[in-house]
N, C-alpha and C. Protein backbone atom coordinates (compact mmCIF):
# COMPACT_ATOMS: atom_id res chain seq x y z
N UNK A 1 -38.29 -134.55 -54.82
CA UNK A 1 -38.63 -134.52 -56.25
C UNK A 1 -37.25 -133.79 -57.27
N UNK A 2 -36.87 -132.99 -56.42
CA UNK A 2 -35.44 -132.48 -57.21
C UNK A 2 -34.52 -133.54 -57.34
N UNK A 3 -34.22 -134.57 -56.59
CA UNK A 3 -33.24 -135.64 -56.76
C UNK A 3 -33.78 -136.55 -57.95
N UNK A 4 -35.10 -136.76 -58.01
CA UNK A 4 -35.91 -137.29 -59.25
C UNK A 4 -35.36 -136.63 -60.47
N UNK A 5 -35.81 -135.51 -60.71
CA UNK A 5 -35.21 -134.51 -61.61
C UNK A 5 -34.02 -134.94 -62.10
N UNK A 6 -33.00 -134.56 -61.20
CA UNK A 6 -31.68 -134.61 -61.28
C UNK A 6 -31.31 -136.24 -61.78
N UNK A 7 -32.05 -137.12 -61.50
CA UNK A 7 -31.59 -138.60 -61.89
C UNK A 7 -31.89 -138.45 -63.21
N UNK A 8 -33.15 -138.19 -63.68
CA UNK A 8 -33.76 -138.13 -64.84
C UNK A 8 -33.02 -137.27 -65.76
N UNK A 9 -32.52 -136.25 -65.40
CA UNK A 9 -31.65 -135.27 -66.19
C UNK A 9 -30.08 -136.29 -66.36
N UNK A 10 -29.64 -136.80 -65.38
CA UNK A 10 -28.29 -137.51 -65.60
C UNK A 10 -28.76 -138.54 -66.81
N UNK A 11 -29.73 -139.24 -66.78
CA UNK A 11 -29.91 -140.25 -67.90
C UNK A 11 -30.02 -139.83 -69.02
N UNK A 12 -30.88 -138.69 -69.36
CA UNK A 12 -31.02 -137.97 -70.53
C UNK A 12 -29.62 -137.61 -71.12
N UNK A 13 -28.91 -137.04 -70.46
CA UNK A 13 -27.40 -136.75 -70.81
C UNK A 13 -26.65 -137.57 -70.99
N UNK A 14 -26.67 -138.71 -70.20
CA UNK A 14 -25.80 -139.96 -70.71
C UNK A 14 -26.34 -140.43 -71.71
N UNK A 15 -27.43 -140.83 -71.76
CA UNK A 15 -27.82 -141.68 -73.24
C UNK A 15 -27.65 -140.64 -74.32
N UNK A 16 -27.85 -139.60 -74.28
CA UNK A 16 -27.75 -138.39 -75.14
C UNK A 16 -26.26 -138.54 -76.00
N UNK A 17 -25.34 -138.50 -75.04
CA UNK A 17 -23.84 -138.51 -74.95
C UNK A 17 -23.47 -139.86 -75.88
N UNK A 18 -23.90 -141.07 -75.16
CA UNK A 18 -23.48 -142.32 -75.50
C UNK A 18 -24.09 -142.46 -77.12
N UNK A 19 -25.15 -141.96 -77.35
CA UNK A 19 -25.75 -142.08 -78.87
C UNK A 19 -24.91 -141.23 -79.72
N UNK A 20 -24.42 -139.93 -79.39
CA UNK A 20 -23.65 -139.34 -80.16
C UNK A 20 -22.36 -139.98 -80.36
N UNK A 21 -21.95 -140.40 -79.48
CA UNK A 21 -20.57 -141.22 -79.59
C UNK A 21 -20.72 -142.49 -80.49
N UNK A 22 -21.94 -142.96 -80.45
CA UNK A 22 -22.29 -144.10 -81.29
C UNK A 22 -22.09 -143.94 -82.49
N UNK A 23 -22.89 -142.46 -82.86
CA UNK A 23 -22.90 -141.97 -84.06
C UNK A 23 -21.89 -141.44 -84.71
N UNK A 24 -20.66 -140.86 -83.99
CA UNK A 24 -19.39 -140.48 -84.43
C UNK A 24 -18.53 -141.77 -84.78
N UNK A 25 -18.59 -142.58 -83.92
CA UNK A 25 -17.70 -143.82 -84.31
C UNK A 25 -18.38 -144.57 -85.56
N UNK A 26 -19.60 -144.48 -85.94
CA UNK A 26 -20.13 -145.39 -87.02
C UNK A 26 -19.49 -145.01 -88.31
N UNK A 27 -19.53 -143.46 -88.00
CA UNK A 27 -18.83 -142.71 -89.29
C UNK A 27 -17.20 -143.03 -89.38
N UNK A 28 -16.57 -143.55 -88.52
CA UNK A 28 -15.25 -143.65 -88.52
C UNK A 28 -14.84 -145.15 -88.87
N UNK A 29 -15.59 -146.19 -88.60
CA UNK A 29 -15.54 -147.57 -88.45
C UNK A 29 -15.55 -147.63 -90.07
N UNK A 30 -15.73 -147.01 -91.17
CA UNK A 30 -15.67 -147.37 -92.37
C UNK A 30 -14.28 -147.69 -92.84
N UNK A 31 -13.56 -146.85 -92.08
CA UNK A 31 -12.13 -147.14 -92.48
C UNK A 31 -11.10 -147.87 -91.36
N UNK A 32 -12.23 -148.19 -90.41
CA UNK A 32 -11.17 -148.86 -89.48
C UNK A 32 -10.96 -150.39 -89.53
N UNK A 33 -10.65 -151.04 -88.50
CA UNK A 33 -10.13 -152.46 -88.62
C UNK A 33 -11.10 -153.38 -87.99
N UNK A 34 -11.20 -154.57 -88.49
CA UNK A 34 -12.40 -155.66 -88.08
C UNK A 34 -12.42 -155.82 -86.54
N UNK A 35 -11.20 -155.72 -86.13
CA UNK A 35 -11.45 -155.93 -84.47
C UNK A 35 -12.29 -154.92 -83.94
N UNK A 36 -12.18 -153.69 -84.14
CA UNK A 36 -12.93 -152.62 -84.02
C UNK A 36 -14.22 -152.70 -84.23
N UNK A 37 -14.74 -153.30 -85.46
CA UNK A 37 -15.93 -153.25 -85.74
C UNK A 37 -16.55 -154.55 -85.13
N UNK A 38 -15.74 -155.58 -84.39
CA UNK A 38 -16.48 -156.48 -84.00
C UNK A 38 -16.94 -155.86 -82.23
N UNK A 39 -16.04 -155.24 -81.78
CA UNK A 39 -16.11 -154.53 -80.47
C UNK A 39 -17.43 -153.61 -80.49
N UNK A 40 -17.46 -152.77 -81.67
CA UNK A 40 -18.40 -151.82 -82.18
C UNK A 40 -19.74 -152.46 -82.11
N UNK A 41 -20.07 -153.56 -82.85
CA UNK A 41 -21.32 -154.18 -82.96
C UNK A 41 -21.78 -154.62 -81.21
N UNK A 42 -20.74 -155.29 -80.74
CA UNK A 42 -21.12 -155.73 -79.11
C UNK A 42 -21.43 -154.39 -78.41
N UNK A 43 -21.16 -153.21 -78.58
CA UNK A 43 -21.55 -152.41 -77.78
C UNK A 43 -22.64 -151.40 -77.99
N UNK A 44 -22.73 -151.46 -79.60
CA UNK A 44 -24.05 -151.01 -80.13
C UNK A 44 -25.09 -151.78 -79.79
N UNK A 45 -25.19 -152.78 -79.46
CA UNK A 45 -26.39 -153.62 -78.83
C UNK A 45 -26.45 -153.58 -77.57
N UNK A 46 -25.46 -153.60 -76.94
CA UNK A 46 -25.46 -153.16 -75.62
C UNK A 46 -26.21 -151.73 -75.11
N UNK A 47 -25.66 -150.85 -75.88
CA UNK A 47 -26.46 -149.68 -76.04
C UNK A 47 -27.80 -149.40 -76.18
N UNK A 48 -28.63 -150.37 -77.07
CA UNK A 48 -29.76 -150.66 -77.43
C UNK A 48 -30.65 -150.89 -76.45
N UNK A 49 -29.90 -152.18 -75.66
CA UNK A 49 -30.56 -153.10 -74.59
C UNK A 49 -30.50 -151.75 -73.33
N UNK A 50 -29.61 -151.07 -73.23
CA UNK A 50 -29.45 -150.00 -72.28
C UNK A 50 -30.71 -149.31 -72.15
N UNK A 51 -30.95 -148.65 -73.81
CA UNK A 51 -31.99 -147.46 -74.02
C UNK A 51 -33.28 -148.35 -73.65
N UNK A 52 -33.55 -149.51 -73.87
CA UNK A 52 -34.63 -150.02 -73.54
C UNK A 52 -34.97 -150.32 -72.35
N UNK A 53 -33.77 -150.60 -71.36
CA UNK A 53 -33.95 -151.06 -70.02
C UNK A 53 -34.21 -149.83 -69.26
N UNK A 54 -33.55 -148.93 -69.76
CA UNK A 54 -33.54 -147.44 -68.86
C UNK A 54 -35.11 -146.56 -68.98
N UNK A 55 -35.73 -146.63 -70.06
CA UNK A 55 -36.64 -145.86 -70.40
C UNK A 55 -37.73 -145.61 -69.36
N UNK A 56 -38.29 -147.33 -69.05
CA UNK A 56 -39.48 -147.48 -67.88
C UNK A 56 -38.66 -147.24 -66.53
N UNK A 57 -37.64 -147.01 -66.56
CA UNK A 57 -37.10 -146.88 -65.11
C UNK A 57 -36.43 -145.40 -64.69
N UNK A 58 -36.12 -144.75 -65.70
CA UNK A 58 -35.67 -143.48 -65.39
C UNK A 58 -36.87 -142.44 -65.13
N UNK A 59 -38.39 -142.98 -65.16
CA UNK A 59 -39.33 -141.85 -65.08
C UNK A 59 -39.76 -142.31 -63.43
N UNK A 60 -39.47 -143.70 -63.18
CA UNK A 60 -40.01 -144.26 -61.73
C UNK A 60 -38.59 -144.31 -60.76
N UNK A 61 -37.69 -143.32 -60.74
CA UNK A 61 -36.45 -143.39 -59.92
C UNK A 61 -36.57 -143.17 -58.68
N UNK A 62 -38.00 -142.39 -58.25
CA UNK A 62 -38.12 -142.49 -56.58
C UNK A 62 -38.74 -143.44 -56.00
N UNK A 63 -39.15 -144.67 -57.02
CA UNK A 63 -39.82 -145.78 -56.75
C UNK A 63 -39.14 -147.08 -56.26
N UNK A 64 -37.92 -146.81 -55.26
CA UNK A 64 -37.08 -147.91 -54.80
C UNK A 64 -36.50 -148.57 -56.08
N UNK A 65 -36.04 -147.55 -56.95
CA UNK A 65 -35.27 -148.28 -58.32
C UNK A 65 -33.77 -148.24 -58.19
N UNK A 66 -33.36 -147.86 -56.99
CA UNK A 66 -31.84 -147.62 -56.46
C UNK A 66 -30.82 -148.76 -57.04
N UNK A 67 -31.13 -149.85 -57.04
CA UNK A 67 -29.82 -150.94 -57.11
C UNK A 67 -30.15 -151.23 -58.84
N UNK A 68 -31.26 -151.20 -59.60
CA UNK A 68 -31.58 -151.07 -60.97
C UNK A 68 -30.72 -149.91 -61.48
N UNK A 69 -31.02 -148.86 -60.79
CA UNK A 69 -30.07 -147.66 -61.54
C UNK A 69 -28.78 -147.66 -61.49
N UNK A 70 -28.08 -148.31 -60.46
CA UNK A 70 -26.96 -148.58 -60.52
C UNK A 70 -26.22 -149.27 -61.27
N UNK A 71 -26.98 -150.48 -61.44
CA UNK A 71 -26.58 -151.38 -62.46
C UNK A 71 -26.81 -150.71 -63.93
N UNK A 72 -27.74 -149.90 -64.15
CA UNK A 72 -27.65 -149.16 -65.49
C UNK A 72 -26.54 -148.38 -65.75
N UNK A 73 -26.33 -147.71 -64.67
CA UNK A 73 -24.89 -146.76 -64.55
C UNK A 73 -23.75 -147.59 -64.91
N UNK A 74 -23.76 -148.73 -64.36
CA UNK A 74 -22.43 -149.65 -64.43
C UNK A 74 -22.34 -149.88 -65.90
N UNK A 75 -23.32 -150.31 -66.86
CA UNK A 75 -23.55 -150.67 -68.21
C UNK A 75 -23.16 -149.58 -68.81
N UNK A 76 -23.71 -148.26 -68.35
CA UNK A 76 -23.46 -147.24 -69.38
C UNK A 76 -22.02 -146.69 -69.24
N UNK A 77 -21.51 -146.93 -67.98
CA UNK A 77 -19.96 -146.82 -67.87
C UNK A 77 -19.25 -147.81 -68.76
N UNK A 78 -19.48 -148.98 -69.07
CA UNK A 78 -19.05 -149.94 -69.74
C UNK A 78 -19.16 -149.70 -71.17
N UNK A 79 -20.28 -149.14 -71.31
CA UNK A 79 -20.17 -148.51 -72.85
C UNK A 79 -19.50 -147.58 -73.41
N UNK A 80 -19.53 -146.95 -72.54
CA UNK A 80 -18.77 -145.34 -72.61
C UNK A 80 -17.08 -145.84 -72.76
N UNK A 81 -16.79 -146.77 -71.71
CA UNK A 81 -15.17 -147.17 -71.89
C UNK A 81 -15.06 -148.08 -73.33
N UNK A 82 -15.96 -148.99 -73.45
CA UNK A 82 -15.90 -149.67 -74.59
C UNK A 82 -15.76 -148.72 -75.98
N UNK A 83 -16.56 -147.46 -76.03
CA UNK A 83 -16.53 -146.64 -77.13
C UNK A 83 -15.05 -145.94 -77.29
N UNK A 84 -14.51 -145.65 -75.90
CA UNK A 84 -13.25 -145.07 -76.00
C UNK A 84 -12.24 -146.17 -76.49
N UNK A 85 -12.19 -147.24 -76.42
CA UNK A 85 -11.17 -148.38 -76.73
C UNK A 85 -11.49 -148.25 -78.51
N UNK A 86 -12.67 -148.48 -78.64
CA UNK A 86 -13.06 -148.58 -80.33
C UNK A 86 -12.22 -147.17 -80.82
N UNK A 87 -12.60 -146.05 -80.39
CA UNK A 87 -11.90 -144.68 -80.92
C UNK A 87 -10.63 -144.94 -80.88
N UNK A 88 -9.92 -145.20 -79.52
CA UNK A 88 -8.47 -145.22 -79.57
C UNK A 88 -7.94 -146.43 -80.43
N UNK A 89 -8.37 -147.31 -80.96
CA UNK A 89 -7.93 -148.62 -81.75
C UNK A 89 -8.10 -147.87 -83.18
N UNK A 90 -9.28 -147.20 -83.63
CA UNK A 90 -9.35 -146.31 -84.78
C UNK A 90 -8.26 -145.35 -85.10
N UNK A 91 -7.76 -144.76 -84.10
CA UNK A 91 -6.74 -143.68 -83.93
C UNK A 91 -5.38 -144.38 -84.12
N UNK A 92 -5.15 -145.47 -83.61
CA UNK A 92 -4.02 -146.01 -83.79
C UNK A 92 -3.56 -146.97 -84.95
N UNK A 93 -4.68 -147.69 -85.43
CA UNK A 93 -4.62 -148.54 -86.56
C UNK A 93 -4.51 -147.61 -88.11
N UNK A 94 -3.65 -148.11 -88.94
CA UNK A 94 -3.79 -147.53 -90.04
C UNK A 94 -5.25 -148.11 -91.03
N UNK A 95 -5.91 -147.54 -92.20
CA UNK A 95 -7.01 -147.94 -92.71
C UNK A 95 -6.76 -149.58 -93.31
N UNK A 96 -7.65 -150.27 -93.32
CA UNK A 96 -7.64 -151.47 -93.84
C UNK A 96 -7.79 -151.67 -95.49
N UNK A 97 -7.37 -152.29 -95.94
CA UNK A 97 -7.10 -152.19 -97.49
C UNK A 97 -8.50 -153.14 -97.89
N UNK A 98 -8.95 -152.98 -98.80
CA UNK A 98 -9.93 -154.13 -99.21
C UNK A 98 -9.70 -154.85 -100.49
């Protein structure tokens, strides 16, 4: 039972962190470059799919969801890495002129 709670807590914290990063990057993208915007859109869609896929699974952790959870963790890691790339890209590039 404790393991189930830890897994649910992990997902609550992971998704919350990813949503917070998404929101912070959204504010910075107004000044960012087009390449960063393209990656941003892909990551935003991927996070939405992860949110949708994770909800029914995170409450059923103890019900042989191991492989599914590992796959979802991999996707969460990919999203975080992508957010890091977008953030880095925004930090390195001067703002685009309109």
